[in-house]
């Protein structure tokens, strides 16, 4: 059960940039957030309790496969859901393990 939601600086920065590009992103993200509160263990499992979730962007009109990806970390022991990073699938194919570790280090410090 999600008790606390946090956002990394990198996530907020990228979200703001993508929001300017895609008008529906805020509404689409709201639906994802409600879904994650109910089931925080959805998406593809990554290392270090991180997960990658597909986010369809309505104004992009490409469905979830061509939309965005959201990297989260859910800590079961304290119910904390942390949004680490968001990226447009057309701009970046995948994120590397080193990139994810760096974001995690920055958010934990």
PDB file of N, CA and C in Angstrom:
ATOM      1  N   UNK A   1       0.840  -1.186   0.000  1.00  0.00           N
ATOM      2  CA  UNK A   1       0.000   0.000   0.000  1.00  0.00           C
ATOM      3  C   UNK A   1       0.882   1.247   0.000  1.00  0.00           C
ATOM      4  N   UNK A   2       0.584   2.181  -0.873  1.00  0.00           N
ATOM      5  CA  UNK A   2       1.359   3.412  -0.994  1.00  0.00           C
ATOM      6  C   UNK A   2       0.943   4.381   0.107  1.00  0.00           C
ATOM      7  N   UNK A   3       1.929   4.826   0.891  1.00  0.00           N
ATOM      8  CA  UNK A   3       1.665   5.775   1.975  1.00  0.00           C
ATOM      9  C   UNK A   3       2.258   7.147   1.695  1.00  0.00           C
ATOM     10  N   UNK A   4       3.310   7.174   0.858  1.00  0.00           N
ATOM     11  CA  UNK A   4       4.038   8.405   0.625  1.00  0.00           C
ATOM     12  C   UNK A   4       4.499   8.440  -0.832  1.00  0.00           C
ATOM     13  N   UNK A   5       4.351   9.587  -1.500  1.00  0.00           N
ATOM     14  CA  UNK A   5       4.773   9.731  -2.892  1.00  0.00           C
ATOM     15  C   UNK A   5       5.785  10.867  -2.966  1.00  0.00           C
ATOM     16  N   UNK A   6       6.923  10.594  -3.623  1.00  0.00           N
ATOM     17  CA  UNK A   6       7.975  11.600  -3.789  1.00  0.00           C
ATOM     18  C   UNK A   6       8.408  11.646  -5.247  1.00  0.00           C
ATOM     19  N   UNK A   7       8.982  12.776  -5.639  1.00  0.00           N
ATOM     20  CA  UNK A   7       9.448  12.979  -7.009  1.00  0.00           C
ATOM     21  C   UNK A   7      10.900  13.441  -6.975  1.00  0.00           C
ATOM     22  N   UNK A   8      11.730  12.841  -7.821  1.00  0.00           N
ATOM     23  CA  UNK A   8      13.123  13.281  -7.903  1.00  0.00           C
ATOM     24  C   UNK A   8      13.191  14.578  -8.704  1.00  0.00           C
ATOM     25  N   UNK A   9      14.272  15.299  -8.535  1.00  0.00           N
ATOM     26  CA  UNK A   9      14.496  16.538  -9.278  1.00  0.00           C
ATOM     27  C   UNK A   9      14.524  16.249 -10.783  1.00  0.00           C
ATOM     28  N   UNK A  10      15.183  15.157 -11.165  1.00  0.00           N
ATOM     29  CA  UNK A  10      15.287  14.786 -12.580  1.00  0.00           C
ATOM     30  C   UNK A  10      13.911  14.495 -13.177  1.00  0.00           C
ATOM     31  N   UNK A  11      13.068  13.822 -12.411  1.00  0.00           N
ATOM     32  CA  UNK A  11      11.716  13.522 -12.885  1.00  0.00           C
ATOM     33  C   UNK A  11      10.945  14.818 -13.125  1.00  0.00           C
ATOM     34  N   UNK A  12      10.966  15.712 -12.163  1.00  0.00           N
ATOM     35  CA  UNK A  12      10.216  16.968 -12.287  1.00  0.00           C
ATOM     36  C   UNK A  12      10.707  17.801 -13.464  1.00  0.00           C
ATOM     37  N   UNK A  13      12.021  17.818 -13.664  1.00  0.00           N
ATOM     38  CA  UNK A  13      12.614  18.578 -14.768  1.00  0.00           C
ATOM     39  C   UNK A  13      12.148  18.018 -16.120  1.00  0.00           C
ATOM     40  N   UNK A  14      12.238  16.716 -16.293  1.00  0.00           N
ATOM     41  CA  UNK A  14      11.831  16.082 -17.551  1.00  0.00           C
ATOM     42  C   UNK A  14      10.320  16.155 -17.753  1.00  0.00           C
ATOM     43  N   UNK A  15       9.562  16.008 -16.677  1.00  0.00           N
ATOM     44  CA  UNK A  15       8.104  16.084 -16.775  1.00  0.00           C
ATOM     45  C   UNK A  15       7.682  17.467 -17.270  1.00  0.00           C
ATOM     46  N   UNK A  16       8.301  18.493 -16.740  1.00  0.00           N
ATOM     47  CA  UNK A  16       7.985  19.868 -17.149  1.00  0.00           C
ATOM     48  C   UNK A  16       8.297  20.069 -18.632  1.00  0.00           C
ATOM     49  N   UNK A  17       9.436  19.546 -19.075  1.00  0.00           N
ATOM     50  CA  UNK A  17       9.832  19.675 -20.479  1.00  0.00           C
ATOM     51  C   UNK A  17       8.854  18.932 -21.395  1.00  0.00           C
ATOM     52  N   UNK A  18       8.513  17.713 -21.024  1.00  0.00           N
ATOM     53  CA  UNK A  18       7.596  16.917 -21.843  1.00  0.00           C
ATOM     54  C   UNK A  18       6.175  17.477 -21.825  1.00  0.00           C
ATOM     55  N   UNK A  19       5.791  18.093 -20.717  1.00  0.00           N
ATOM     56  CA  UNK A  19       4.447  18.674 -20.596  1.00  0.00           C
ATOM     57  C   UNK A  19       4.257  19.816 -21.598  1.00  0.00           C
ATOM     58  N   UNK A  20       5.329  20.537 -21.880  1.00  0.00           N
ATOM     59  CA  UNK A  20       5.251  21.607 -22.876  1.00  0.00           C
ATOM     60  C   UNK A  20       5.050  21.032 -24.278  1.00  0.00           C
ATOM     61  N   UNK A  21       5.593  19.863 -24.504  1.00  0.00           N
ATOM     62  CA  UNK A  21       5.534  19.217 -25.813  1.00  0.00           C
ATOM     63  C   UNK A  21       4.211  18.480 -26.033  1.00  0.00           C
ATOM     64  N   UNK A  22       3.687  17.859 -24.968  1.00  0.00           N
ATOM     65  CA  UNK A  22       2.470  17.053 -25.061  1.00  0.00           C
ATOM     66  C   UNK A  22       1.442  17.562 -24.053  1.00  0.00           C
ATOM     67  N   UNK A  23       0.394  18.191 -24.547  1.00  0.00           N
ATOM     68  CA  UNK A  23      -0.605  18.824 -23.683  1.00  0.00           C
ATOM     69  C   UNK A  23      -1.361  17.846 -22.788  1.00  0.00           C
ATOM     70  N   UNK A  24      -1.512  16.620 -23.219  1.00  0.00           N
ATOM     71  CA  UNK A  24      -2.303  15.656 -22.446  1.00  0.00           C
ATOM     72  C   UNK A  24      -1.486  14.952 -21.363  1.00  0.00           C
ATOM     73  N   UNK A  25      -0.203  15.227 -21.270  1.00  0.00           N
ATOM     74  CA  UNK A  25       0.669  14.475 -20.365  1.00  0.00           C
ATOM     75  C   UNK A  25       0.214  14.550 -18.910  1.00  0.00           C
ATOM     76  N   UNK A  26      -0.185  15.707 -18.461  1.00  0.00           N
ATOM     77  CA  UNK A  26      -0.587  15.856 -17.060  1.00  0.00           C
ATOM     78  C   UNK A  26      -1.791  14.961 -16.729  1.00  0.00           C
ATOM     79  N   UNK A  27      -2.769  14.946 -17.610  1.00  0.00           N
ATOM     80  CA  UNK A  27      -3.957  14.112 -17.406  1.00  0.00           C
ATOM     81  C   UNK A  27      -3.600  12.623 -17.505  1.00  0.00           C
ATOM     82  N   UNK A  28      -2.767  12.281 -18.479  1.00  0.00           N
ATOM     83  CA  UNK A  28      -2.341  10.888 -18.647  1.00  0.00           C
ATOM     84  C   UNK A  28      -1.556  10.414 -17.428  1.00  0.00           C
ATOM     85  N   UNK A  29      -0.703  11.281 -16.900  1.00  0.00           N
ATOM     86  CA  UNK A  29       0.080  10.930 -15.719  1.00  0.00           C
ATOM     87  C   UNK A  29      -0.826  10.767 -14.497  1.00  0.00           C
ATOM     88  N   UNK A  30      -1.858  11.586 -14.407  1.00  0.00           N
ATOM     89  CA  UNK A  30      -2.816  11.466 -13.302  1.00  0.00           C
ATOM     90  C   UNK A  30      -3.474  10.096 -13.266  1.00  0.00           C
ATOM     91  N   UNK A  31      -3.823   9.588 -14.447  1.00  0.00           N
ATOM     92  CA  UNK A  31      -4.406   8.241 -14.523  1.00  0.00           C
ATOM     93  C   UNK A  31      -3.393   7.180 -14.096  1.00  0.00           C
ATOM     94  N   UNK A  32      -2.143   7.349 -14.507  1.00  0.00           N
ATOM     95  CA  UNK A  32      -1.098   6.402 -14.104  1.00  0.00           C
ATOM     96  C   UNK A  32      -0.902   6.442 -12.594  1.00  0.00           C
ATOM     97  N   UNK A  33      -0.902   7.619 -12.025  1.00  0.00           N
ATOM     98  CA  UNK A  33      -0.710   7.774 -10.585  1.00  0.00           C
ATOM     99  C   UNK A  33      -1.808   7.048  -9.803  1.00  0.00           C
ATOM    100  N   UNK A  34      -3.052   7.209 -10.219  1.00  0.00           N
ATOM    101  CA  UNK A  34      -4.161   6.502  -9.560  1.00  0.00           C
ATOM    102  C   UNK A  34      -3.994   4.988  -9.678  1.00  0.00           C
ATOM    103  N   UNK A  35      -3.539   4.550 -10.822  1.00  0.00           N
ATOM    104  CA  UNK A  35      -3.318   3.122 -11.039  1.00  0.00           C
ATOM    105  C   UNK A  35      -2.188   2.597 -10.150  1.00  0.00           C
ATOM    106  N   UNK A  36      -1.130   3.398  -9.991  1.00  0.00           N
ATOM    107  CA  UNK A  36       0.010   2.982  -9.169  1.00  0.00           C
ATOM    108  C   UNK A  36      -0.327   2.954  -7.683  1.00  0.00           C
ATOM    109  N   UNK A  37      -1.208   3.822  -7.243  1.00  0.00           N
ATOM    110  CA  UNK A  37      -1.613   3.806  -5.836  1.00  0.00           C
ATOM    111  C   UNK A  37      -2.314   2.485  -5.524  1.00  0.00           C
ATOM    112  N   UNK A  38      -3.105   1.997  -6.468  1.00  0.00           N
ATOM    113  CA  UNK A  38      -3.783   0.709  -6.288  1.00  0.00           C
ATOM    114  C   UNK A  38      -2.833  -0.474  -6.437  1.00  0.00           C
ATOM    115  N   UNK A  39      -1.914  -0.386  -7.397  1.00  0.00           N
ATOM    116  CA  UNK A  39      -1.000  -1.492  -7.675  1.00  0.00           C
ATOM    117  C   UNK A  39       0.393  -0.953  -8.002  1.00  0.00           C
ATOM    118  N   UNK A  40       1.230  -0.694  -6.995  1.00  0.00           N
ATOM    119  CA  UNK A  40       2.556  -0.116  -7.240  1.00  0.00           C
ATOM    120  C   UNK A  40       3.562  -1.095  -7.841  1.00  0.00           C
ATOM    121  N   UNK A  41       3.203  -2.364  -7.962  1.00  0.00           N
ATOM    122  CA  UNK A  41       4.138  -3.360  -8.487  1.00  0.00           C
ATOM    123  C   UNK A  41       3.884  -3.689  -9.960  1.00  0.00           C
ATOM    124  N   UNK A  42       3.243  -2.788 -10.683  1.00  0.00           N
ATOM    125  CA  UNK A  42       3.027  -3.025 -12.104  1.00  0.00           C
ATOM    126  C   UNK A  42       4.249  -2.607 -12.909  1.00  0.00           C
ATOM    127  N   UNK A  43       4.301  -2.992 -14.151  1.00  0.00           N
ATOM    128  CA  UNK A  43       5.421  -2.648 -15.013  1.00  0.00           C
ATOM    129  C   UNK A  43       6.508  -3.710 -14.979  1.00  0.00           C
ATOM    130  N   UNK A  44       7.638  -3.371 -15.574  1.00  0.00           N
ATOM    131  CA  UNK A  44       8.776  -4.282 -15.673  1.00  0.00           C
ATOM    132  C   UNK A  44       9.717  -4.062 -14.505  1.00  0.00           C
ATOM    133  N   UNK A  45      10.064  -5.124 -13.816  1.00  0.00           N
ATOM    134  CA  UNK A  45      10.979  -5.025 -12.673  1.00  0.00           C
ATOM    135  C   UNK A  45      12.397  -4.759 -13.160  1.00  0.00           C
ATOM    136  N   UNK A  46      13.057  -3.817 -12.506  1.00  0.00           N
ATOM    137  CA  UNK A  46      14.464  -3.508 -12.747  1.00  0.00           C
ATOM    138  C   UNK A  46      15.223  -3.799 -11.455  1.00  0.00           C
ATOM    139  N   UNK A  47      16.487  -3.496 -11.425  1.00  0.00           N
ATOM    140  CA  UNK A  47      17.292  -3.720 -10.222  1.00  0.00           C
ATOM    141  C   UNK A  47      16.942  -2.714  -9.127  1.00  0.00           C
ATOM    142  N   UNK A  48      17.317  -3.036  -7.902  1.00  0.00           N
ATOM    143  CA  UNK A  48      17.221  -2.125  -6.753  1.00  0.00           C
ATOM    144  C   UNK A  48      15.802  -1.608  -6.500  1.00  0.00           C
ATOM    145  N   UNK A  49      14.821  -2.475  -6.562  1.00  0.00           N
ATOM    146  CA  UNK A  49      13.410  -2.154  -6.301  1.00  0.00           C
ATOM    147  C   UNK A  49      12.820  -1.143  -7.282  1.00  0.00           C
ATOM    148  N   UNK A  50      13.439  -0.975  -8.436  1.00  0.00           N
ATOM    149  CA  UNK A  50      12.933  -0.040  -9.436  1.00  0.00           C
ATOM    150  C   UNK A  50      12.058  -0.780 -10.440  1.00  0.00           C
ATOM    151  N   UNK A  51      11.147  -0.025 -11.048  1.00  0.00           N
ATOM    152  CA  UNK A  51      10.254  -0.579 -12.065  1.00  0.00           C
ATOM    153  C   UNK A  51      10.130   0.412 -13.215  1.00  0.00           C
ATOM    154  N   UNK A  52       9.931  -0.108 -14.418  1.00  0.00           N
ATOM    155  CA  UNK A  52       9.727   0.723 -15.606  1.00  0.00           C
ATOM    156  C   UNK A  52       8.297   0.508 -16.079  1.00  0.00           C
ATOM    157  N   UNK A  53       7.565   1.605 -16.237  1.00  0.00           N
ATOM    158  CA  UNK A  53       6.147   1.538 -16.579  1.00  0.00           C
ATOM    159  C   UNK A  53       5.892   2.308 -17.867  1.00  0.00           C
ATOM    160  N   UNK A  54       5.105   1.718 -18.742  1.00  0.00           N
ATOM    161  CA  UNK A  54       4.701   2.397 -19.972  1.00  0.00           C
ATOM    162  C   UNK A  54       3.624   3.429 -19.652  1.00  0.00           C
ATOM    163  N   UNK A  55       3.753   4.587 -20.284  1.00  0.00           N
ATOM    164  CA  UNK A  55       2.753   5.644 -20.129  1.00  0.00           C
ATOM    165  C   UNK A  55       2.324   6.095 -21.511  1.00  0.00           C
ATOM    166  N   UNK A  56       1.091   5.814 -21.870  1.00  0.00           N
ATOM    167  CA  UNK A  56       0.565   6.278 -23.149  1.00  0.00           C
ATOM    168  C   UNK A  56       0.267   7.767 -23.074  1.00  0.00           C
ATOM    169  N   UNK A  57       0.705   8.502 -24.075  1.00  0.00           N
ATOM    170  CA  UNK A  57       0.447   9.944 -24.135  1.00  0.00           C
ATOM    171  C   UNK A  57      -0.621  10.159 -25.204  1.00  0.00           C
ATOM    172  N   UNK A  58      -1.802  10.560 -24.772  1.00  0.00           N
ATOM    173  CA  UNK A  58      -2.951  10.684 -25.667  1.00  0.00           C
ATOM    174  C   UNK A  58      -2.671  11.622 -26.831  1.00  0.00           C
ATOM    175  N   UNK A  59      -2.056  12.768 -26.575  1.00  0.00           N
ATOM    176  CA  UNK A  59      -1.820  13.749 -27.631  1.00  0.00           C
ATOM    177  C   UNK A  59      -0.741  13.295 -28.616  1.00  0.00           C
ATOM    178  N   UNK A  60       0.004  12.278 -28.276  1.00  0.00           N
ATOM    179  CA  UNK A  60       1.020  11.735 -29.180  1.00  0.00           C
ATOM    180  C   UNK A  60       0.397  10.751 -30.169  1.00  0.00           C
ATOM    181  N   UNK A  61      -0.718  10.130 -29.780  1.00  0.00           N
ATOM    182  CA  UNK A  61      -1.492   9.209 -30.611  1.00  0.00           C
ATOM    183  C   UNK A  61      -0.691   8.002 -31.092  1.00  0.00           C
ATOM    184  N   UNK A  62       0.091   7.430 -30.203  1.00  0.00           N
ATOM    185  CA  UNK A  62       0.857   6.239 -30.564  1.00  0.00           C
ATOM    186  C   UNK A  62       0.657   5.108 -29.570  1.00  0.00           C
ATOM    187  N   UNK A  63      -0.250   5.249 -28.624  1.00  0.00           N
ATOM    188  CA  UNK A  63      -0.490   4.206 -27.636  1.00  0.00           C
ATOM    189  C   UNK A  63       0.620   4.136 -26.599  1.00  0.00           C
ATOM    190  N   UNK A  64       0.624   3.060 -25.821  1.00  0.00           N
ATOM    191  CA  UNK A  64       1.620   2.955 -24.749  1.00  0.00           C
ATOM    192  C   UNK A  64       3.000   2.602 -25.278  1.00  0.00           C
ATOM    193  N   UNK A  65       3.074   1.881 -26.383  1.00  0.00           N
ATOM    194  CA  UNK A  65       4.387   1.476 -26.907  1.00  0.00           C
ATOM    195  C   UNK A  65       5.199   2.661 -27.403  1.00  0.00           C
ATOM    196  N   UNK A  66       4.556   3.646 -27.970  1.00  0.00           N
ATOM    197  CA  UNK A  66       5.268   4.801 -28.495  1.00  0.00           C
ATOM    198  C   UNK A  66       5.220   6.001 -27.573  1.00  0.00           C
ATOM    199  N   UNK A  67       4.700   5.834 -26.386  1.00  0.00           N
ATOM    200  CA  UNK A  67       4.544   6.948 -25.454  1.00  0.00           C
ATOM    201  C   UNK A  67       5.792   7.227 -24.651  1.00  0.00           C
ATOM    202  N   UNK A  68       5.629   7.317 -23.359  1.00  0.00           N
ATOM    203  CA  UNK A  68       6.735   7.623 -22.454  1.00  0.00           C
ATOM    204  C   UNK A  68       6.982   6.435 -21.536  1.00  0.00           C
ATOM    205  N   UNK A  69       8.103   6.478 -20.859  1.00  0.00           N
ATOM    206  CA  UNK A  69       8.433   5.482 -19.842  1.00  0.00           C
ATOM    207  C   UNK A  69       8.668   6.216 -18.531  1.00  0.00           C
ATOM    208  N   UNK A  70       8.169   5.631 -17.460  1.00  0.00           N
ATOM    209  CA  UNK A  70       8.320   6.207 -16.127  1.00  0.00           C
ATOM    210  C   UNK A  70       9.095   5.199 -15.284  1.00  0.00           C
ATOM    211  N   UNK A  71      10.160   5.669 -14.654  1.00  0.00           N
ATOM    212  CA  UNK A  71      10.956   4.825 -13.771  1.00  0.00           C
ATOM    213  C   UNK A  71      10.572   5.177 -12.340  1.00  0.00           C
ATOM    214  N   UNK A  72      10.132   4.162 -11.594  1.00  0.00           N
ATOM    215  CA  UNK A  72       9.733   4.382 -10.203  1.00  0.00           C
ATOM    216  C   UNK A  72      10.523   3.461  -9.287  1.00  0.00           C
ATOM    217  N   UNK A  73      10.452   3.767  -8.012  1.00  0.00           N
ATOM    218  CA  UNK A  73      10.998   2.867  -6.990  1.00  0.00           C
ATOM    219  C   UNK A  73       9.955   2.773  -5.888  1.00  0.00           C
ATOM    220  N   UNK A  74       9.561   1.557  -5.588  1.00  0.00           N
ATOM    221  CA  UNK A  74       8.567   1.339  -4.538  1.00  0.00           C
ATOM    222  C   UNK A  74       9.208   0.528  -3.430  1.00  0.00           C
ATOM    223  N   UNK A  75       9.224   1.103  -2.237  1.00  0.00           N
ATOM    224  CA  UNK A  75       9.763   0.408  -1.067  1.00  0.00           C
ATOM    225  C   UNK A  75       8.589  -0.179  -0.288  1.00  0.00           C
ATOM    226  N   UNK A  76       8.506  -1.479  -0.295  1.00  0.00           N
ATOM    227  CA  UNK A  76       7.392  -2.174   0.353  1.00  0.00           C
ATOM    228  C   UNK A  76       7.383  -1.930   1.858  1.00  0.00           C
ATOM    229  N   UNK A  77       8.571  -1.917   2.473  1.00  0.00           N
ATOM    230  CA  UNK A  77       8.647  -1.823   3.935  1.00  0.00           C
ATOM    231  C   UNK A  77       8.057  -0.530   4.503  1.00  0.00           C
ATOM    232  N   UNK A  78       8.175   0.592   3.773  1.00  0.00           N
ATOM    233  CA  UNK A  78       7.604   1.838   4.301  1.00  0.00           C
ATOM    234  C   UNK A  78       6.517   2.437   3.398  1.00  0.00           C
ATOM    235  N   UNK A  79       6.186   1.761   2.306  1.00  0.00           N
ATOM    236  CA  UNK A  79       5.111   2.224   1.431  1.00  0.00           C
ATOM    237  C   UNK A  79       5.441   3.470   0.635  1.00  0.00           C
ATOM    238  N   UNK A  80       6.732   3.735   0.417  1.00  0.00           N
ATOM    239  CA  UNK A  80       7.130   4.939  -0.316  1.00  0.00           C
ATOM    240  C   UNK A  80       7.219   4.657  -1.815  1.00  0.00           C
ATOM    241  N   UNK A  81       6.535   5.478  -2.591  1.00  0.00           N
ATOM    242  CA  UNK A  81       6.585   5.416  -4.044  1.00  0.00           C
ATOM    243  C   UNK A  81       7.338   6.648  -4.519  1.00  0.00           C
ATOM    244  N   UNK A  82       8.451   6.425  -5.206  1.00  0.00           N
ATOM    245  CA  UNK A  82       9.279   7.540  -5.661  1.00  0.00           C
ATOM    246  C   UNK A  82       9.386   7.509  -7.183  1.00  0.00           C
ATOM    247  N   UNK A  83       9.033   8.617  -7.811  1.00  0.00           N
ATOM    248  CA  UNK A  83       9.168   8.757  -9.254  1.00  0.00           C
ATOM    249  C   UNK A  83      10.575   9.266  -9.537  1.00  0.00           C
ATOM    250  N   UNK A  84      11.369   8.439 -10.218  1.00  0.00           N
ATOM    251  CA  UNK A  84      12.773   8.753 -10.441  1.00  0.00           C
ATOM    252  C   UNK A  84      13.029   9.464 -11.763  1.00  0.00           C
ATOM    253  N   UNK A  85      12.382   9.006 -12.834  1.00  0.00           N
ATOM    254  CA  UNK A  85      12.685   9.572 -14.152  1.00  0.00           C
ATOM    255  C   UNK A  85      11.541   9.284 -15.114  1.00  0.00           C
ATOM    256  N   UNK A  86      11.363  10.171 -16.081  1.00  0.00           N
ATOM    257  CA  UNK A  86      10.399   9.975 -17.160  1.00  0.00           C
ATOM    258  C   UNK A  86      11.100  10.350 -18.455  1.00  0.00           C
ATOM    259  N   UNK A  87      10.851   9.572 -19.505  1.00  0.00           N
ATOM    260  CA  UNK A  87      11.448   9.902 -20.794  1.00  0.00           C
ATOM    261  C   UNK A  87      10.523   9.504 -21.931  1.00  0.00           C
ATOM    262  N   UNK A  88      10.670  10.227 -23.032  1.00  0.00           N
ATOM    263  CA  UNK A  88       9.897   9.977 -24.236  1.00  0.00           C
ATOM    264  C   UNK A  88      10.559   8.825 -24.988  1.00  0.00           C
ATOM    265  N   UNK A  89       9.801   7.812 -25.314  1.00  0.00           N
ATOM    266  CA  UNK A  89      10.338   6.626 -25.988  1.00  0.00           C
ATOM    267  C   UNK A  89      10.945   6.977 -27.346  1.00  0.00           C
ATOM    268  N   UNK A  90      10.443   8.006 -28.015  1.00  0.00           N
ATOM    269  CA  UNK A  90      10.985   8.389 -29.318  1.00  0.00           C
ATOM    270  C   UNK A  90      12.313   9.139 -29.190  1.00  0.00           C
ATOM    271  N   UNK A  91      12.609   9.678 -28.020  1.00  0.00           N
ATOM    272  CA  UNK A  91      13.868  10.401 -27.800  1.00  0.00           C
ATOM    273  C   UNK A  91      14.964   9.506 -27.239  1.00  0.00           C
ATOM    274  N   UNK A  92      14.576   8.512 -26.460  1.00  0.00           N
ATOM    275  CA  UNK A  92      15.540   7.643 -25.794  1.00  0.00           C
ATOM    276  C   UNK A  92      14.969   6.231 -25.797  1.00  0.00           C
ATOM    277  N   UNK A  93      15.700   5.296 -26.370  1.00  0.00           N
ATOM    278  CA  UNK A  93      15.198   3.918 -26.470  1.00  0.00           C
ATOM    279  C   UNK A  93      15.109   3.264 -25.097  1.00  0.00           C
ATOM    280  N   UNK A  94      16.197   3.253 -24.368  1.00  0.00           N
ATOM    281  CA  UNK A  94      16.256   2.663 -23.028  1.00  0.00           C
ATOM    282  C   UNK A  94      17.205   3.479 -22.166  1.00  0.00           C
ATOM    283  N   UNK A  95      17.120   3.304 -20.869  1.00  0.00           N
ATOM    284  CA  UNK A  95      18.074   3.938 -19.967  1.00  0.00           C
ATOM    285  C   UNK A  95      19.032   2.859 -19.469  1.00  0.00           C
ATOM    286  N   UNK A  96      20.285   3.237 -19.313  1.00  0.00           N
ATOM    287  CA  UNK A  96      21.297   2.268 -18.887  1.00  0.00           C
ATOM    288  C   UNK A  96      21.221   2.037 -17.380  1.00  0.00           C
ATOM    289  N   UNK A  97      21.801   0.940 -16.955  1.00  0.00           N
ATOM    290  CA  UNK A  97      21.839   0.611 -15.525  1.00  0.00           C
ATOM    291  C   UNK A  97      22.641   1.658 -14.760  1.00  0.00           C
ATOM    292  N   UNK A  98      23.728   2.150 -15.353  1.00  0.00           N
ATOM    293  CA  UNK A  98      24.545   3.179 -14.697  1.00  0.00           C
ATOM    294  C   UNK A  98      23.757   4.470 -14.506  1.00  0.00           C
ATOM    295  N   UNK A  99      22.982   4.843 -15.511  1.00  0.00           N
ATOM    296  CA  UNK A  99      22.155   6.043 -15.429  1.00  0.00           C
ATOM    297  C   UNK A  99      21.159   5.927 -14.277  1.00  0.00           C
ATOM    298  N   UNK A 100      20.521   4.768 -14.166  1.00  0.00           N
ATOM    299  CA  UNK A 100      19.557   4.541 -13.090  1.00  0.00           C
ATOM    300  C   UNK A 100      20.222   4.575 -11.720  1.00  0.00           C
ATOM    301  N   UNK A 101      21.406   3.993 -11.614  1.00  0.00           N
ATOM    302  CA  UNK A 101      22.128   4.009 -10.339  1.00  0.00           C
ATOM    303  C   UNK A 101      22.486   5.431  -9.934  1.00  0.00           C
ATOM    304  N   UNK A 102      22.897   6.259 -10.908  1.00  0.00           N
ATOM    305  CA  UNK A 102      23.231   7.655 -10.611  1.00  0.00           C
ATOM    306  C   UNK A 102      22.010   8.426 -10.120  1.00  0.00           C
ATOM    307  N   UNK A 103      20.877   8.231 -10.753  1.00  0.00           N
ATOM    308  CA  UNK A 103      19.650   8.902 -10.311  1.00  0.00           C
ATOM    309  C   UNK A 103      19.284   8.456  -8.905  1.00  0.00           C
ATOM    310  N   UNK A 104      19.418   7.166  -8.657  1.00  0.00           N
ATOM    311  CA  UNK A 104      19.095   6.624  -7.341  1.00  0.00           C
ATOM    312  C   UNK A 104      20.017   7.196  -6.271  1.00  0.00           C
ATOM    313  N   UNK A 105      21.297   7.315  -6.585  1.00  0.00           N
ATOM    314  CA  UNK A 105      22.252   7.894  -5.631  1.00  0.00           C
ATOM    315  C   UNK A 105      21.917   9.348  -5.329  1.00  0.00           C
ATOM    316  N   UNK A 106      21.539  10.105  -6.362  1.00  0.00           N
ATOM    317  CA  UNK A 106      21.200  11.515  -6.168  1.00  0.00           C
ATOM    318  C   UNK A 106      19.929  11.685  -5.343  1.00  0.00           C
ATOM    319  N   UNK A 107      18.964  10.813  -5.523  1.00  0.00           N
ATOM    320  CA  UNK A 107      17.709  10.952  -4.776  1.00  0.00           C
ATOM    321  C   UNK A 107      17.838  10.453  -3.343  1.00  0.00           C
ATOM    322  N   UNK A 108      18.732   9.504  -3.101  1.00  0.00           N
ATOM    323  CA  UNK A 108      18.912   8.989  -1.741  1.00  0.00           C
ATOM    324  C   UNK A 108      19.773   9.897  -0.874  1.00  0.00           C
ATOM    325  N   UNK A 109      20.538  10.779  -1.499  1.00  0.00           N
ATOM    326  CA  UNK A 109      21.418  11.650  -0.699  1.00  0.00           C
ATOM    327  C   UNK A 109      20.729  12.905  -0.239  1.00  0.00           C
TER     328      UNK A 109
END
